[in-house]
Amino acid sequence: MRVALVGLGEIGLAAHLPALLRRPDVDVVQLVDPDPGRREIAAGQGIPARAELDPHAVDGVVLATPPWVTPELAVRSARAGLFVLAEKPIATSVEAARIYDQLDDEQRRRIQVGLTYRHDPAVRQLRTWIAAGTLGTPVLVRAHIYDEAHRPEDHEHTERITATLEHGTPVVHEGAHLFDWLSHLLGGQPQRVQDAWSSTTRPELPAPNLIGARLTYPNGHQALVEFGWFTTALPRCELTFLGDRGLATLDGFTFDLRLSTADGDRELRFPGDRTTRCFDLQVQRFVELYDSTRKAGEPSLDDGIAALRTAQLVAGRAT
């Protein structure tokens, strides 16, 4: 499978590219970014770097691009007949995502959304426990999603996170992952956003950097969610799933799992680091989409839009 990587920022070069290069059935033939500085950084890879994608020379494209850039590129690539792996979120708003309505069913099915961590075996194990009633039903989910500590001496990071906040609160970006996990784990999309809040810790920030909500899901499940960026210190990133019969705890960075029930405590650690195993599984599914082992992208474009819709509902309630 001939692939182009579009977007040579941190996530592109540090996560997507190594995963692509680890696959013997993937040939990365183009590195694409309009920024000459980023192309220069990527030059050491020995892969041709270009300012624009040549769609005629590839079978698929990985879009490691900002969400305000991704929609147009994804639509253009899908309409050119390419398979598309698009980083989350797939747009900055539901309104911006309407550009995907231009695609027919065949073009939509060729898009896989980079909700990378759904592929982790820890998420699969959680889904098994919840479906089997290991924790009891319903469950209360508490999700504390905190990342991107404020490091004023790191000018590149400060500029990148500030620019991202100009396009929405952390719930738009981190919520893409979390709301996909929750709908995947709890049996469907949320039935209601009960309430929401937001807070801005420094007046110069372009949007609230702390935001949270309470949501109800099918079968009586509830979720209390918090998202935070850009404070000097951050709380622990962790998800807990509490039912009458047990408690499951997911470490937000390692994805180590702990289960506590009447039978005792159990810890699960999975081989390798979370990023490597999830990006490898993501590329595997992308190749399977290309070779027709899979009939549609997983997660799908519809999954990405559904997660975005929930994030936007939370952001709207929080204002």
C-alpha atoms as a PDB file:
ATOM      1  CA  MET A   1       0.000   0.000   0.000  1.00  0.00           C
ATOM      2  CA  ARG A   2       1.533   3.314  -1.098  1.00  0.00           C
ATOM      3  CA  VAL A   3       0.852   5.971   1.528  1.00  0.00           C
ATOM      4  CA  ALA A   4       1.445   9.703   1.915  1.00  0.00           C
ATOM      5  CA  LEU A   5       1.701  11.289   5.349  1.00  0.00           C
ATOM      6  CA  VAL A   6       0.251  14.799   5.298  1.00  0.00           C
ATOM      7  CA  GLY A   7       1.141  16.929   8.313  1.00  0.00           C
ATOM      8  CA  LEU A   8       4.673  16.786   9.678  1.00  0.00           C
ATOM      9  CA  GLY A   9       4.059  18.083  13.173  1.00  0.00           C
ATOM     10  CA  GLU A  10       4.700  16.228  16.414  1.00  0.00           C
ATOM     11  CA  ILE A  11       1.938  13.625  16.087  1.00  0.00           C
ATOM     12  CA  GLY A  12       2.783  13.012  12.445  1.00  0.00           C
ATOM     13  CA  LEU A  13       6.512  12.438  12.832  1.00  0.00           C
ATOM     14  CA  ALA A  14       6.547  10.933  16.335  1.00  0.00           C
ATOM     15  CA  ALA A  15       3.558   8.576  16.117  1.00  0.00           C
ATOM     16  CA  HIS A  16       2.039   8.130  12.649  1.00  0.00           C
ATOM     17  CA  LEU A  17       5.266   7.852  10.656  1.00  0.00           C
ATOM     18  CA  PRO A  18       6.985   5.257  12.897  1.00  0.00           C
ATOM     19  CA  ALA A  19       3.835   3.115  12.859  1.00  0.00           C
ATOM     20  CA  LEU A  20       3.654   3.303   9.066  1.00  0.00           C
ATOM     21  CA  LEU A  21       7.335   2.432   8.718  1.00  0.00           C
ATOM     22  CA  ARG A  22       6.941  -0.611  10.969  1.00  0.00           C
ATOM     23  CA  ARG A  23       4.520  -2.193   8.467  1.00  0.00           C
ATOM     24  CA  PRO A  24       6.272  -4.207   5.726  1.00  0.00           C
ATOM     25  CA  ASP A  25       3.155  -3.942   3.545  1.00  0.00           C
ATOM     26  CA  VAL A  26       3.149  -0.117   3.681  1.00  0.00           C
ATOM     27  CA  ASP A  27       5.405   2.023   1.503  1.00  0.00           C
ATOM     28  CA  VAL A  28       5.538   5.653   2.632  1.00  0.00           C
ATOM     29  CA  VAL A  29       6.256   7.491  -0.613  1.00  0.00           C
ATOM     30  CA  GLN A  30       5.433  11.115   0.250  1.00  0.00           C
ATOM     31  CA  LEU A  31       5.809  13.375   3.284  1.00  0.00           C
ATOM     32  CA  VAL A  32       3.659  16.472   2.808  1.00  0.00           C
ATOM     33  CA  ASP A  33       3.558  19.789   4.635  1.00  0.00           C
ATOM     34  CA  PRO A  34       3.280  23.382   3.364  1.00  0.00           C
ATOM     35  CA  ASP A  35       5.799  24.515   6.005  1.00  0.00           C
ATOM     36  CA  PRO A  36       9.363  24.344   4.599  1.00  0.00           C
ATOM     37  CA  GLY A  37      10.783  24.148   8.116  1.00  0.00           C
ATOM     38  CA  ARG A  38       8.827  20.995   8.852  1.00  0.00           C
ATOM     39  CA  ARG A  39       9.807  19.507   5.514  1.00  0.00           C
ATOM     40  CA  GLU A  40      13.432  20.184   6.373  1.00  0.00           C
ATOM     41  CA  ILE A  41      13.050  18.427   9.740  1.00  0.00           C
ATOM     42  CA  ALA A  42      11.537  15.414   7.969  1.00  0.00           C
ATOM     43  CA  ALA A  43      14.217  15.315   5.270  1.00  0.00           C
ATOM     44  CA  GLY A  44      16.354  12.897   7.275  1.00  0.00           C
ATOM     45  CA  GLN A  45      13.775  10.161   6.774  1.00  0.00           C
ATOM     46  CA  GLY A  46      14.918   9.595   3.194  1.00  0.00           C
ATOM     47  CA  ILE A  47      11.369   9.978   1.875  1.00  0.00           C
ATOM     48  CA  PRO A  48      10.485  12.682  -0.675  1.00  0.00           C
ATOM     49  CA  ALA A  49       8.986  15.708   1.082  1.00  0.00           C
ATOM     50  CA  ARG A  50       6.558  17.939  -0.792  1.00  0.00           C
ATOM     51  CA  ALA A  51       4.510  21.055  -0.164  1.00  0.00           C
ATOM     52  CA  GLU A  52       1.407  19.483  -1.743  1.00  0.00           C
ATOM     53  CA  LEU A  53       0.052  15.968  -2.075  1.00  0.00           C
ATOM     54  CA  ASP A  54       0.308  14.152  -5.395  1.00  0.00           C
ATOM     55  CA  PRO A  55      -2.826  11.968  -5.185  1.00  0.00           C
ATOM     56  CA  HIS A  56      -1.976  10.039  -8.350  1.00  0.00           C
ATOM     57  CA  ALA A  57       1.101   8.449  -6.780  1.00  0.00           C
ATOM     58  CA  VAL A  58      -0.523   6.919  -3.672  1.00  0.00           C
ATOM     59  CA  ASP A  59      -3.258   4.509  -2.616  1.00  0.00           C
ATOM     60  CA  GLY A  60      -3.941   6.111   0.732  1.00  0.00           C
ATOM     61  CA  VAL A  61      -3.238   9.184   2.807  1.00  0.00           C
ATOM     62  CA  VAL A  62      -2.766   9.736   6.526  1.00  0.00           C
ATOM     63  CA  LEU A  63      -3.903  13.217   7.543  1.00  0.00           C
ATOM     64  CA  ALA A  64      -2.031  14.273  10.684  1.00  0.00           C
ATOM     65  CA  THR A  65      -3.410  17.767  10.253  1.00  0.00           C
ATOM     66  CA  PRO A  66      -5.208  20.289  12.491  1.00  0.00           C
ATOM     67  CA  PRO A  67      -9.001  19.855  12.572  1.00  0.00           C
ATOM     68  CA  TRP A  68      -9.565  23.181  10.831  1.00  0.00           C
ATOM     69  CA  VAL A  69      -7.533  21.838   7.885  1.00  0.00           C
ATOM     70  CA  THR A  70      -8.556  18.164   7.842  1.00  0.00           C
ATOM     71  CA  PRO A  71     -12.110  18.299   6.387  1.00  0.00           C
ATOM     72  CA  GLU A  72     -11.220  19.794   3.016  1.00  0.00           C
ATOM     73  CA  LEU A  73      -8.196  17.508   2.612  1.00  0.00           C
ATOM     74  CA  ALA A  74     -10.180  14.412   3.605  1.00  0.00           C
ATOM     75  CA  VAL A  75     -12.994  15.174   1.181  1.00  0.00           C
ATOM     76  CA  ARG A  76     -10.607  15.973  -1.658  1.00  0.00           C
ATOM     77  CA  SER A  77      -8.635  12.770  -1.053  1.00  0.00           C
ATOM     78  CA  ALA A  78     -11.705  10.537  -0.777  1.00  0.00           C
ATOM     79  CA  ARG A  79     -13.146  12.000  -3.966  1.00  0.00           C
ATOM     80  CA  ALA A  80      -9.829  11.271  -5.682  1.00  0.00           C
ATOM     81  CA  GLY A  81     -10.351   7.583  -4.869  1.00  0.00           C
ATOM     82  CA  LEU A  82      -7.873   7.374  -1.990  1.00  0.00           C
ATOM     83  CA  PHE A  83      -8.233   5.595   1.321  1.00  0.00           C
ATOM     84  CA  VAL A  84      -8.055   8.160   4.124  1.00  0.00           C
ATOM     85  CA  LEU A  85      -6.921   7.898   7.745  1.00  0.00           C
ATOM     86  CA  ALA A  86      -7.868  11.268   9.249  1.00  0.00           C
ATOM     87  CA  GLU A  87      -6.700  12.452  12.657  1.00  0.00           C
ATOM     88  CA  LYS A  88      -9.358  13.313  15.206  1.00  0.00           C
ATOM     89  CA  PRO A  89     -11.306  15.486  15.581  1.00  0.00           C
ATOM     90  CA  ILE A  90     -12.457  15.363  11.982  1.00  0.00           C
ATOM     91  CA  ALA A  91     -13.586  19.023  12.149  1.00  0.00           C
ATOM     92  CA  THR A  92     -13.821  21.828  14.683  1.00  0.00           C
ATOM     93  CA  SER A  93     -17.634  21.783  14.703  1.00  0.00           C
ATOM     94  CA  VAL A  94     -20.626  19.865  13.411  1.00  0.00           C
ATOM     95  CA  GLU A  95     -21.225  22.732  10.992  1.00  0.00           C
ATOM     96  CA  ALA A  96     -17.693  22.452   9.601  1.00  0.00           C
ATOM     97  CA  ALA A  97     -18.178  18.687   9.279  1.00  0.00           C
ATOM     98  CA  ARG A  98     -21.066  19.173   6.846  1.00  0.00           C
ATOM     99  CA  ILE A  99     -18.489  19.257   4.067  1.00  0.00           C
ATOM    100  CA  TYR A 100     -18.450  15.461   4.392  1.00  0.00           C
ATOM    101  CA  ASP A 101     -22.031  15.428   3.076  1.00  0.00           C
ATOM    102  CA  GLN A 102     -20.464  15.863  -0.376  1.00  0.00           C
ATOM    103  CA  LEU A 103     -19.229  12.265  -0.223  1.00  0.00           C
ATOM    104  CA  ASP A 104     -21.171   9.276  -1.475  1.00  0.00           C
ATOM    105  CA  ASP A 105     -21.372   6.001   0.469  1.00  0.00           C
ATOM    106  CA  GLU A 106     -18.355   4.471  -1.244  1.00  0.00           C
ATOM    107  CA  GLN A 107     -16.189   7.512  -0.533  1.00  0.00           C
ATOM    108  CA  ARG A 108     -17.351   7.663   3.108  1.00  0.00           C
ATOM    109  CA  ARG A 109     -16.564   4.006   3.758  1.00  0.00           C
ATOM    110  CA  ARG A 110     -12.934   4.587   2.684  1.00  0.00           C
ATOM    111  CA  ILE A 111     -12.399   7.067   5.541  1.00  0.00           C
ATOM    112  CA  GLN A 112     -11.052   5.784   8.849  1.00  0.00           C
ATOM    113  CA  VAL A 113     -10.976   8.278  11.721  1.00  0.00           C
ATOM    114  CA  GLY A 114      -7.893   8.387  13.940  1.00  0.00           C
ATOM    115  CA  LEU A 115      -9.659   7.705  17.218  1.00  0.00           C
ATOM    116  CA  THR A 116      -6.520   5.735  17.878  1.00  0.00           C
ATOM    117  CA  TYR A 117      -6.979   4.497  21.411  1.00  0.00           C
ATOM    118  CA  ARG A 118     -10.269   2.715  20.756  1.00  0.00           C
ATOM    119  CA  HIS A 119      -8.038  -0.032  19.349  1.00  0.00           C
ATOM    120  CA  ASP A 120      -6.296  -0.637  22.690  1.00  0.00           C
ATOM    121  CA  PRO A 121      -6.843  -4.046  24.326  1.00  0.00           C
ATOM    122  CA  ALA A 122      -7.676  -2.226  27.569  1.00  0.00           C
ATOM    123  CA  VAL A 123     -10.758  -0.699  25.934  1.00  0.00           C
ATOM    124  CA  ARG A 124     -11.725  -4.109  24.580  1.00  0.00           C
ATOM    125  CA  GLN A 125     -11.388  -5.593  28.087  1.00  0.00           C
ATOM    126  CA  LEU A 126     -13.489  -2.822  29.631  1.00  0.00           C
ATOM    127  CA  ARG A 127     -16.196  -3.426  27.065  1.00  0.00           C
ATOM    128  CA  THR A 128     -16.218  -7.131  27.934  1.00  0.00           C
ATOM    129  CA  TRP A 129     -16.508  -6.434  31.672  1.00  0.00           C
ATOM    130  CA  ILE A 130     -19.334  -3.933  31.211  1.00  0.00           C
ATOM    131  CA  ALA A 131     -21.279  -6.144  28.789  1.00  0.00           C
ATOM    132  CA  ALA A 132     -20.868  -9.197  31.038  1.00  0.00           C
ATOM    133  CA  GLY A 133     -22.088  -7.319  34.115  1.00  0.00           C
ATOM    134  CA  THR A 134     -18.777  -7.833  35.927  1.00  0.00           C
ATOM    135  CA  LEU A 135     -19.084  -4.358  37.445  1.00  0.00           C
ATOM    136  CA  GLY A 136     -22.878  -4.432  37.750  1.00  0.00           C
ATOM    137  CA  THR A 137     -25.365  -2.341  35.798  1.00  0.00           C
ATOM    138  CA  PRO A 138     -25.606   0.612  35.548  1.00  0.00           C
ATOM    139  CA  VAL A 139     -22.114   2.032  35.914  1.00  0.00           C
ATOM    140  CA  LEU A 140     -20.954   5.509  36.845  1.00  0.00           C
ATOM    141  CA  VAL A 141     -17.993   6.697  34.787  1.00  0.00           C
ATOM    142  CA  ARG A 142     -15.686   9.391  36.094  1.00  0.00           C
ATOM    143  CA  ALA A 143     -13.278  10.624  33.432  1.00  0.00           C
ATOM    144  CA  HIS A 144     -10.521  13.103  34.246  1.00  0.00           C
ATOM    145  CA  ILE A 145      -8.770  13.940  30.971  1.00  0.00           C
ATOM    146  CA  TYR A 146      -5.921  16.347  31.665  1.00  0.00           C
ATOM    147  CA  ASP A 147      -2.924  16.983  29.415  1.00  0.00           C
ATOM    148  CA  GLU A 148      -0.760  19.702  27.846  1.00  0.00           C
ATOM    149  CA  ALA A 149       0.733  21.314  30.952  1.00  0.00           C
ATOM    150  CA  HIS A 150       1.612  24.999  30.631  1.00  0.00           C
ATOM    151  CA  ARG A 151       5.334  25.350  29.926  1.00  0.00           C
ATOM    152  CA  PRO A 152       5.918  29.021  29.072  1.00  0.00           C
ATOM    153  CA  GLU A 153       9.570  28.371  28.197  1.00  0.00           C
ATOM    154  CA  ASP A 154       8.421  26.014  25.415  1.00  0.00           C
ATOM    155  CA  HIS A 155       7.338  28.606  22.864  1.00  0.00           C
ATOM    156  CA  GLU A 156       6.370  26.106  20.149  1.00  0.00           C
ATOM    157  CA  HIS A 157       4.065  24.218  22.527  1.00  0.00           C
ATOM    158  CA  THR A 158       2.563  27.442  23.888  1.00  0.00           C
ATOM    159  CA  GLU A 159       1.828  28.730  20.387  1.00  0.00           C
ATOM    160  CA  ARG A 160       0.359  25.385  19.283  1.00  0.00           C
ATOM    161  CA  ILE A 161      -2.003  24.998  22.248  1.00  0.00           C
ATOM    162  CA  THR A 162      -3.035  28.660  22.118  1.00  0.00           C
ATOM    163  CA  ALA A 163      -3.831  28.298  18.410  1.00  0.00           C
ATOM    164  CA  THR A 164      -5.817  25.149  19.139  1.00  0.00           C
ATOM    165  CA  LEU A 165      -7.825  26.922  21.848  1.00  0.00           C
ATOM    166  CA  GLU A 166      -8.712  29.576  19.282  1.00  0.00           C
ATOM    167  CA  HIS A 167     -10.704  26.841  17.546  1.00  0.00           C
ATOM    168  CA  GLY A 168     -12.440  25.463  20.640  1.00  0.00           C
ATOM    169  CA  THR A 169     -12.113  24.208  24.195  1.00  0.00           C
ATOM    170  CA  PRO A 170     -10.287  20.988  25.148  1.00  0.00           C
ATOM    171  CA  VAL A 171     -13.562  19.056  24.954  1.00  0.00           C
ATOM    172  CA  VAL A 172     -13.569  19.390  21.151  1.00  0.00           C
ATOM    173  CA  HIS A 173     -10.149  17.757  20.888  1.00  0.00           C
ATOM    174  CA  GLU A 174      -9.896  15.384  23.863  1.00  0.00           C
ATOM    175  CA  GLY A 175     -13.627  14.678  23.763  1.00  0.00           C
ATOM    176  CA  ALA A 176     -13.213  13.115  20.334  1.00  0.00           C
ATOM    177  CA  HIS A 177     -11.441  10.200  22.009  1.00  0.00           C
ATOM    178  CA  LEU A 178     -13.448  10.036  25.217  1.00  0.00           C
ATOM    179  CA  PHE A 179     -16.926  10.264  23.727  1.00  0.00           C
ATOM    180  CA  ASP A 180     -16.005   7.625  21.160  1.00  0.00           C
ATOM    181  CA  TRP A 181     -14.842   5.311  23.960  1.00  0.00           C
ATOM    182  CA  LEU A 182     -17.964   5.906  26.022  1.00  0.00           C
ATOM    183  CA  SER A 183     -20.410   5.246  23.188  1.00  0.00           C
ATOM    184  CA  HIS A 184     -18.376   2.143  22.297  1.00  0.00           C
ATOM    185  CA  LEU A 185     -18.366   0.923  25.920  1.00  0.00           C
ATOM    186  CA  LEU A 186     -21.824   1.940  27.117  1.00  0.00           C
ATOM    187  CA  GLY A 187     -23.990   0.733  24.272  1.00  0.00           C
ATOM    188  CA  GLY A 188     -24.714   3.858  22.268  1.00  0.00           C
ATOM    189  CA  GLN A 189     -24.631   7.617  22.028  1.00  0.00           C
ATOM    190  CA  PRO A 190     -25.470   9.732  25.095  1.00  0.00           C
ATOM    191  CA  GLN A 191     -29.154  10.335  25.622  1.00  0.00           C
ATOM    192  CA  ARG A 192     -28.684  13.702  27.271  1.00  0.00           C
ATOM    193  CA  VAL A 193     -26.123  16.240  28.454  1.00  0.00           C
ATOM    194  CA  GLN A 194     -27.505  16.936  31.928  1.00  0.00           C
ATOM    195  CA  ASP A 195     -25.328  19.933  32.707  1.00  0.00           C
ATOM    196  CA  ALA A 196     -21.917  21.385  31.918  1.00  0.00           C
ATOM    197  CA  TRP A 197     -19.438  23.977  33.138  1.00  0.00           C
ATOM    198  CA  SER A 198     -16.258  25.688  31.988  1.00  0.00           C
ATOM    199  CA  SER A 199     -13.506  27.843  33.463  1.00  0.00           C
ATOM    200  CA  THR A 200     -10.671  29.968  32.095  1.00  0.00           C
ATOM    201  CA  THR A 201      -7.631  29.989  34.370  1.00  0.00           C
ATOM    202  CA  ARG A 202      -5.841  32.908  32.674  1.00  0.00           C
ATOM    203  CA  PRO A 203      -7.641  35.863  31.090  1.00  0.00           C
ATOM    204  CA  GLU A 204      -5.443  35.945  27.980  1.00  0.00           C
ATOM    205  CA  LEU A 205      -6.530  32.470  26.862  1.00  0.00           C
ATOM    206  CA  PRO A 206      -8.808  32.501  23.796  1.00  0.00           C
ATOM    207  CA  ALA A 207     -11.209  29.887  25.236  1.00  0.00           C
ATOM    208  CA  PRO A 208     -11.897  28.106  28.533  1.00  0.00           C
ATOM    209  CA  ASN A 209      -9.136  25.602  29.230  1.00  0.00           C
ATOM    210  CA  LEU A 210     -11.138  23.626  31.808  1.00  0.00           C
ATOM    211  CA  ILE A 211     -14.535  22.136  30.961  1.00  0.00           C
ATOM    212  CA  GLY A 212     -16.747  19.319  32.193  1.00  0.00           C
ATOM    213  CA  ALA A 213     -20.203  17.779  31.990  1.00  0.00           C
ATOM    214  CA  ARG A 214     -22.618  15.118  33.245  1.00  0.00           C
ATOM    215  CA  LEU A 215     -24.127  12.837  30.619  1.00  0.00           C
ATOM    216  CA  THR A 216     -26.622   9.968  30.629  1.00  0.00           C
ATOM    217  CA  TYR A 217     -26.174   6.913  28.417  1.00  0.00           C
ATOM    218  CA  PRO A 218     -28.376   3.909  27.551  1.00  0.00           C
ATOM    219  CA  ASN A 219     -29.191   1.380  30.302  1.00  0.00           C
ATOM    220  CA  GLY A 220     -28.913   3.993  33.037  1.00  0.00           C
ATOM    221  CA  HIS A 221     -25.157   4.523  32.714  1.00  0.00           C
ATOM    222  CA  GLN A 222     -23.910   7.991  33.662  1.00  0.00           C
ATOM    223  CA  ALA A 223     -20.645   9.794  33.007  1.00  0.00           C
ATOM    224  CA  LEU A 224     -19.021  12.696  34.825  1.00  0.00           C
ATOM    225  CA  VAL A 225     -16.322  14.064  32.545  1.00  0.00           C
ATOM    226  CA  GLU A 226     -13.639  16.730  32.944  1.00  0.00           C
ATOM    227  CA  PHE A 227     -11.126  18.030  30.424  1.00  0.00           C
ATOM    228  CA  GLY A 228      -8.238  20.364  31.168  1.00  0.00           C
ATOM    229  CA  TRP A 229      -5.229  21.854  29.435  1.00  0.00           C
ATOM    230  CA  PHE A 230      -2.600  24.452  30.019  1.00  0.00           C
ATOM    231  CA  THR A 231      -2.238  24.752  33.803  1.00  0.00           C
ATOM    232  CA  THR A 232       1.193  24.531  35.415  1.00  0.00           C
ATOM    233  CA  ALA A 233       0.238  21.346  37.274  1.00  0.00           C
ATOM    234  CA  LEU A 234      -2.362  18.812  36.197  1.00  0.00           C
ATOM    235  CA  PRO A 235      -4.532  16.285  38.050  1.00  0.00           C
ATOM    236  CA  ARG A 236      -4.099  12.604  37.349  1.00  0.00           C
ATOM    237  CA  CYS A 237      -5.498  11.513  33.974  1.00  0.00           C
ATOM    238  CA  GLU A 238      -7.731   8.575  34.866  1.00  0.00           C
ATOM    239  CA  LEU A 239     -11.071   6.917  34.140  1.00  0.00           C
ATOM    240  CA  THR A 240     -13.054   4.902  36.675  1.00  0.00           C
ATOM    241  CA  PHE A 241     -16.075   2.689  36.040  1.00  0.00           C
ATOM    242  CA  LEU A 242     -18.073   2.009  39.209  1.00  0.00           C
ATOM    243  CA  GLY A 243     -20.978  -0.382  39.509  1.00  0.00           C
ATOM    244  CA  ASP A 244     -22.647  -2.223  42.369  1.00  0.00           C
ATOM    245  CA  ARG A 245     -20.365  -5.234  41.913  1.00  0.00           C
ATOM    246  CA  GLY A 246     -17.007  -3.717  41.098  1.00  0.00           C
ATOM    247  CA  LEU A 247     -14.697  -0.869  40.164  1.00  0.00           C
ATOM    248  CA  ALA A 248     -12.464  -0.702  37.092  1.00  0.00           C
ATOM    249  CA  THR A 249      -9.734   1.942  36.862  1.00  0.00           C
ATOM    250  CA  LEU A 250      -7.978   2.890  33.630  1.00  0.00           C
ATOM    251  CA  ASP A 251      -4.718   4.847  33.767  1.00  0.00           C
ATOM    252  CA  GLY A 252      -5.143   7.588  31.186  1.00  0.00           C
ATOM    253  CA  PHE A 253      -1.531   7.483  30.008  1.00  0.00           C
ATOM    254  CA  THR A 254      -0.427   3.847  30.245  1.00  0.00           C
ATOM    255  CA  PHE A 255      -3.871   2.223  29.854  1.00  0.00           C
ATOM    256  CA  ASP A 256      -3.004  -0.149  32.686  1.00  0.00           C
ATOM    257  CA  LEU A 257      -6.240  -1.569  34.112  1.00  0.00           C
ATOM    258  CA  ARG A 258      -7.194  -2.436  37.683  1.00  0.00           C
ATOM    259  CA  LEU A 259     -10.330  -4.385  38.615  1.00  0.00           C
ATOM    260  CA  SER A 260     -11.648  -4.531  42.181  1.00  0.00           C
ATOM    261  CA  THR A 261     -14.528  -6.895  43.019  1.00  0.00           C
ATOM    262  CA  ALA A 262     -15.606  -9.144  45.889  1.00  0.00           C
ATOM    263  CA  ASP A 263     -13.170 -11.712  44.479  1.00  0.00           C
ATOM    264  CA  GLY A 264     -10.230  -9.379  45.063  1.00  0.00           C
ATOM    265  CA  ASP A 265      -8.072  -7.047  43.008  1.00  0.00           C
ATOM    266  CA  ARG A 266      -6.676  -7.749  39.565  1.00  0.00           C
ATOM    267  CA  GLU A 267      -4.208  -5.699  37.508  1.00  0.00           C
ATOM    268  CA  LEU A 268      -3.757  -5.924  33.753  1.00  0.00           C
ATOM    269  CA  ARG A 269      -0.782  -4.510  31.871  1.00  0.00           C
ATOM    270  CA  PHE A 270      -0.551  -4.956  28.140  1.00  0.00           C
ATOM    271  CA  PRO A 271       2.639  -5.497  26.100  1.00  0.00           C
ATOM    272  CA  GLY A 272       4.500  -2.427  24.895  1.00  0.00           C
ATOM    273  CA  ASP A 273       3.611   1.196  25.416  1.00  0.00           C
ATOM    274  CA  ARG A 274       0.126   2.497  24.701  1.00  0.00           C
ATOM    275  CA  THR A 275       1.098   4.770  21.815  1.00  0.00           C
ATOM    276  CA  THR A 276       3.072   2.143  19.905  1.00  0.00           C
ATOM    277  CA  ARG A 277       0.515  -0.636  20.216  1.00  0.00           C
ATOM    278  CA  CYS A 278      -2.457   1.608  19.378  1.00  0.00           C
ATOM    279  CA  PHE A 279      -0.874   3.290  16.363  1.00  0.00           C
ATOM    280  CA  ASP A 280       0.283  -0.111  15.102  1.00  0.00           C
ATOM    281  CA  LEU A 281      -3.248  -1.516  15.431  1.00  0.00           C
ATOM    282  CA  GLN A 282      -4.628   1.584  13.738  1.00  0.00           C
ATOM    283  CA  VAL A 283      -2.343   1.146  10.724  1.00  0.00           C
ATOM    284  CA  GLN A 284      -3.205  -2.553  10.602  1.00  0.00           C
ATOM    285  CA  ARG A 285      -6.904  -1.684  10.320  1.00  0.00           C
ATOM    286  CA  PHE A 286      -6.113   0.910   7.656  1.00  0.00           C
ATOM    287  CA  VAL A 287      -4.289  -1.703   5.575  1.00  0.00           C
ATOM    288  CA  GLU A 288      -7.210  -4.097   6.097  1.00  0.00           C
ATOM    289  CA  LEU A 289      -9.551  -1.406   4.804  1.00  0.00           C
ATOM    290  CA  TYR A 290      -7.373  -1.039   1.713  1.00  0.00           C
ATOM    291  CA  ASP A 291      -7.150  -4.778   0.993  1.00  0.00           C
ATOM    292  CA  SER A 292     -10.905  -5.278   1.613  1.00  0.00           C
ATOM    293  CA  THR A 293     -10.474  -7.368   4.768  1.00  0.00           C
ATOM    294  CA  ARG A 294     -12.586  -4.634   6.355  1.00  0.00           C
ATOM    295  CA  LYS A 295     -15.589  -3.260   4.516  1.00  0.00           C
ATOM    296  CA  ALA A 296     -15.489   0.194   6.131  1.00  0.00           C
ATOM    297  CA  GLY A 297     -13.223   2.375   8.220  1.00  0.00           C
ATOM    298  CA  GLU A 298     -13.091   1.563  11.928  1.00  0.00           C
ATOM    299  CA  PRO A 299     -13.729   3.937  13.602  1.00  0.00           C
ATOM    300  CA  SER A 300     -15.865   5.295  10.789  1.00  0.00           C
ATOM    301  CA  LEU A 301     -16.546   8.819   9.615  1.00  0.00           C
ATOM    302  CA  ASP A 302     -19.955   8.549  11.291  1.00  0.00           C
ATOM    303  CA  ASP A 303     -18.218   7.616  14.566  1.00  0.00           C
ATOM    304  CA  GLY A 304     -16.011  10.689  14.311  1.00  0.00           C
ATOM    305  CA  ILE A 305     -18.953  12.986  13.623  1.00  0.00           C
ATOM    306  CA  ALA A 306     -20.946  11.482  16.506  1.00  0.00           C
ATOM    307  CA  ALA A 307     -18.101  12.136  18.963  1.00  0.00           C
ATOM    308  CA  LEU A 308     -17.778  15.688  17.625  1.00  0.00           C
ATOM    309  CA  ARG A 309     -21.515  16.250  18.032  1.00  0.00           C
ATOM    310  CA  THR A 310     -21.374  15.219  21.712  1.00  0.00           C
ATOM    311  CA  ALA A 311     -18.354  17.452  22.319  1.00  0.00           C
ATOM    312  CA  GLN A 312     -20.159  20.388  20.739  1.00  0.00           C
ATOM    313  CA  LEU A 313     -23.259  19.777  22.879  1.00  0.00           C
ATOM    314  CA  VAL A 314     -21.082  19.872  25.994  1.00  0.00           C
ATOM    315  CA  ALA A 315     -19.305  23.040  24.855  1.00  0.00           C
ATOM    316  CA  GLY A 316     -22.657  24.676  24.121  1.00  0.00           C
ATOM    317  CA  ARG A 317     -24.098  23.796  27.525  1.00  0.00           C
ATOM    318  CA  ALA A 318     -20.953  25.048  29.265  1.00  0.00           C
ATOM    319  CA  THR A 319     -21.181  28.604  27.903  1.00  0.00           C
END
